[in-house]
Protein backbone atom coordinates (compact mmCIF):
# COMPACT_ATOMS: atom_id res chain seq x y z
CA MET A 1 37.78 12.91 24.50
CA VAL A 2 37.90 16.65 25.17
CA ILE A 3 40.31 16.12 28.09
CA LEU A 4 42.63 14.06 25.89
CA SER A 5 42.58 16.78 23.24
CA VAL A 6 43.45 19.42 25.87
CA LEU A 7 46.33 17.26 27.19
CA VAL A 8 47.75 16.76 23.70
CA SER A 9 47.57 20.52 23.12
CA LEU A 10 49.37 21.23 26.42
CA VAL A 11 52.15 18.76 25.59
CA ALA A 12 52.64 20.50 22.25
CA LEU A 13 52.84 23.91 23.96
CA PHE A 14 55.08 22.76 26.83
CA PRO A 15 57.43 20.00 25.66
CA ALA A 16 59.14 17.89 28.30
CA VAL A 17 62.30 19.42 29.71
CA ASP A 18 65.10 17.13 30.83
CA PRO A 19 65.60 18.06 34.48
CA VAL A 20 69.04 16.42 34.55
CA SER A 21 70.93 18.02 31.66
CA ARG A 22 70.70 20.42 28.77
CA THR A 23 72.94 21.32 25.85
CA GLY A 24 75.40 24.12 26.49
CA ALA A 25 77.22 25.47 29.51
CA CYS A 26 75.41 26.16 32.77
CA GLU A 27 74.42 29.74 33.44
CA GLY A 28 75.45 30.70 36.93
CA PRO A 29 76.01 28.36 39.85
CA GLU A 30 72.94 26.20 39.17
CA GLY A 31 74.77 23.13 37.89
CA VAL A 32 78.01 21.62 36.62
CA THR A 33 79.19 22.10 33.05
CA VAL A 34 80.60 18.97 31.38
CA ALA A 35 82.84 19.40 28.30
CA VAL A 36 83.77 16.33 26.23
CA ASP A 37 86.53 16.99 23.70
CA LEU A 38 86.16 14.52 20.82
CA GLN A 39 89.26 15.54 18.85
CA GLY A 40 91.23 12.59 20.24
CA VAL A 41 88.67 10.18 18.76
CA GLY A 42 88.63 11.77 15.32
CA ARG A 43 85.87 14.36 15.59
CA SER A 44 86.61 18.08 15.74
CA GLU A 45 83.95 19.04 18.23
CA VAL A 46 83.47 19.59 21.92
CA LEU A 47 80.16 18.44 23.41
CA VAL A 48 79.00 20.71 26.24
CA ARG A 49 76.22 19.83 28.67
CA CYS A 50 74.82 21.43 31.81
CA VAL A 51 74.06 18.96 34.58
CA SER A 52 71.65 20.32 37.17
CA GLY A 53 72.48 20.41 40.85
CA ALA A 54 75.75 19.28 42.35
CA PRO A 55 76.56 15.74 41.19
CA GLY A 56 79.55 15.56 43.54
CA ASP A 57 82.11 13.91 41.25
CA ALA A 58 83.18 13.93 37.61
CA ARG A 59 81.90 10.41 36.84
CA THR A 60 78.41 11.20 38.14
CA ALA A 61 78.39 14.48 36.21
CA LEU A 62 79.30 12.65 32.99
CA GLU A 63 76.69 9.94 33.66
CA ARG A 64 73.99 12.60 34.19
CA SER A 65 75.04 14.65 31.14
CA GLY A 66 72.66 12.87 28.79
CA LEU A 67 75.55 11.65 26.65
CA ASP A 68 75.92 7.96 25.86
CA VAL A 69 78.60 6.80 28.33
CA TYR A 70 79.94 3.26 28.62
CA PHE A 71 82.18 2.19 31.48
CA GLY A 72 84.82 -0.53 31.25
CA SER A 73 84.72 -3.95 32.83
CA GLY A 74 87.76 -3.56 35.05
CA THR A 75 89.32 -6.81 33.89
CA GLY A 76 92.51 -5.24 32.48
CA PRO A 77 96.00 -5.18 33.97
CA TYR A 78 95.10 -2.48 36.51
CA GLY A 79 91.80 -3.99 37.60
CA ASP A 80 90.24 -0.55 37.23
CA SER A 81 86.49 -0.70 37.39
CA ARG A 82 83.97 1.85 36.17
CA TYR A 83 86.54 3.84 34.19
CA VAL A 84 85.22 5.77 31.20
CA CYS A 85 85.58 3.55 28.15
CA ARG A 86 83.41 5.19 25.47
CA VAL A 87 81.51 8.46 25.15
CA GLU A 88 78.96 8.69 22.33
CA GLY A 89 80.25 5.30 21.14
CA LEU A 90 83.82 6.56 20.77
CA PRO A 91 86.41 5.19 20.42
CA ALA A 92 84.51 2.46 18.62
CA GLY A 93 87.36 -0.07 18.63
CA ASP A 94 87.94 -0.08 22.40
CA THR A 95 87.13 -3.48 23.92
CA CYS A 96 86.56 -1.87 27.35
CA THR A 97 88.56 -4.51 29.18
CA GLY A 98 90.88 -2.13 31.00
CA HIS A 99 93.61 0.41 30.51
CA ARG A 100 96.83 -0.65 28.83
CA ASP A 101 100.22 1.02 29.33
CA GLY A 102 100.74 3.68 26.68
CA ALA A 103 97.25 3.29 25.20
CA PRO A 104 94.96 6.32 24.79
CA PHE A 105 92.29 6.79 27.44
CA TRP A 106 89.61 9.26 28.59
CA LYS A 107 91.44 11.74 30.80
CA VAL A 108 89.53 13.86 33.31
CA TRP A 109 90.26 17.59 33.56
CA ARG A 110 89.29 20.01 36.29
CA THR A 111 89.66 23.78 36.24
CA GLY A 112 91.94 25.82 38.39
CA VAL A 113 92.32 29.51 39.11
CA ASP A 114 95.26 31.88 38.56
CA PRO A 115 95.15 31.52 35.67
CA VAL A 116 91.84 29.86 34.81
CA ALA A 117 93.09 26.77 33.01
CA TRP A 118 92.61 23.04 32.71
CA ARG A 119 94.44 20.96 35.31
CA GLU A 120 94.92 17.21 35.12
CA SER A 121 92.78 15.39 37.64
CA ALA A 122 95.94 13.89 39.20
CA THR A 123 94.15 10.87 40.59
CA GLN A 124 94.72 7.21 39.87
CA ASP A 125 91.18 6.43 41.01
CA GLY A 126 89.39 7.71 37.91
CA PRO A 127 86.61 10.25 37.49
CA ALA A 128 84.73 9.20 40.64
CA ALA A 129 87.63 10.60 42.68
CA VAL A 130 87.49 14.04 41.03
CA PRO A 131 85.19 16.33 43.03
CA VAL A 132 82.96 18.83 41.22
CA CYS A 133 80.53 21.31 42.70
CA ALA A 134 77.75 23.59 41.51
CA GLY A 135 79.03 26.31 39.22
CA GLY A 136 82.00 24.16 38.22
CA LEU A 137 83.38 22.78 34.98
CA VAL A 138 84.81 19.33 34.30
CA GLY A 139 86.37 18.16 31.04
CA PHE A 140 86.97 14.81 29.38
CA GLY A 141 89.41 14.30 26.53
CA HIS A 142 90.65 11.11 24.85
CA GLY A 143 94.26 10.53 23.96
CA PRO A 144 97.67 9.52 25.27
CA LYS A 145 98.91 10.58 28.68
CA THR A 146 100.39 13.77 27.17
CA SER A 147 97.16 14.89 25.45
CA GLN A 148 95.52 18.22 26.29
CA MET A 149 92.01 19.67 25.98
CA THR A 150 91.71 21.53 22.65
CA VAL A 151 89.55 24.33 24.08
CA THR A 152 90.12 26.63 27.04
CA PRO A 153 87.70 26.78 29.98
CA GLU A 154 86.72 30.30 28.83
CA GLN A 155 85.69 28.88 25.43
CA VAL A 156 83.34 26.46 27.21
CA VAL A 157 81.88 28.71 29.91
CA THR A 158 81.55 32.11 28.27
CA THR A 159 79.83 33.92 31.15
CA PRO A 160 81.78 37.15 31.72
CA GLY A 161 83.77 37.00 34.95
CA TRP A 162 83.19 33.27 35.48
CA LEU A 163 85.63 31.61 37.86
CA PRO A 164 85.62 27.99 38.94
CA PRO A 165 84.31 27.56 42.49
CA ARG A 166 86.53 26.23 45.22
CA CYS A 167 85.17 22.95 46.43
């Protein structure tokens, strides 16, 4: 009984820490920062998570972010599988049966240098084809093809002198 009491006390003093992600941008090159801009789905906020390690690609980083992510079925006109359909349940009305021409979608953004700015992922293969590496930043925003992120990379990663790594 004494051992159980000691264990309960230790858990209270040292709560579990999620080794995969935490709220806020990563500090230094110890992980990948994921920014999810919710303005395109009706909420004026940007969710920021730090994913430990080097997840390798944008889809894996988003999956490991601790956010509720749902991927589509790939049964739509493009046959795209494992595309990002909903983040945190949004957009709620999406049936997740594939992209449709002209319909809003979750766009993946990477960061570039000179100047530090968001760059479209420029891949037709979805977030799994967008490489990310430790110390990097990847963004997700929902909207039409012409939509933009509503925050700058410097508003997400506020570490003075931060530059996206080349990977």
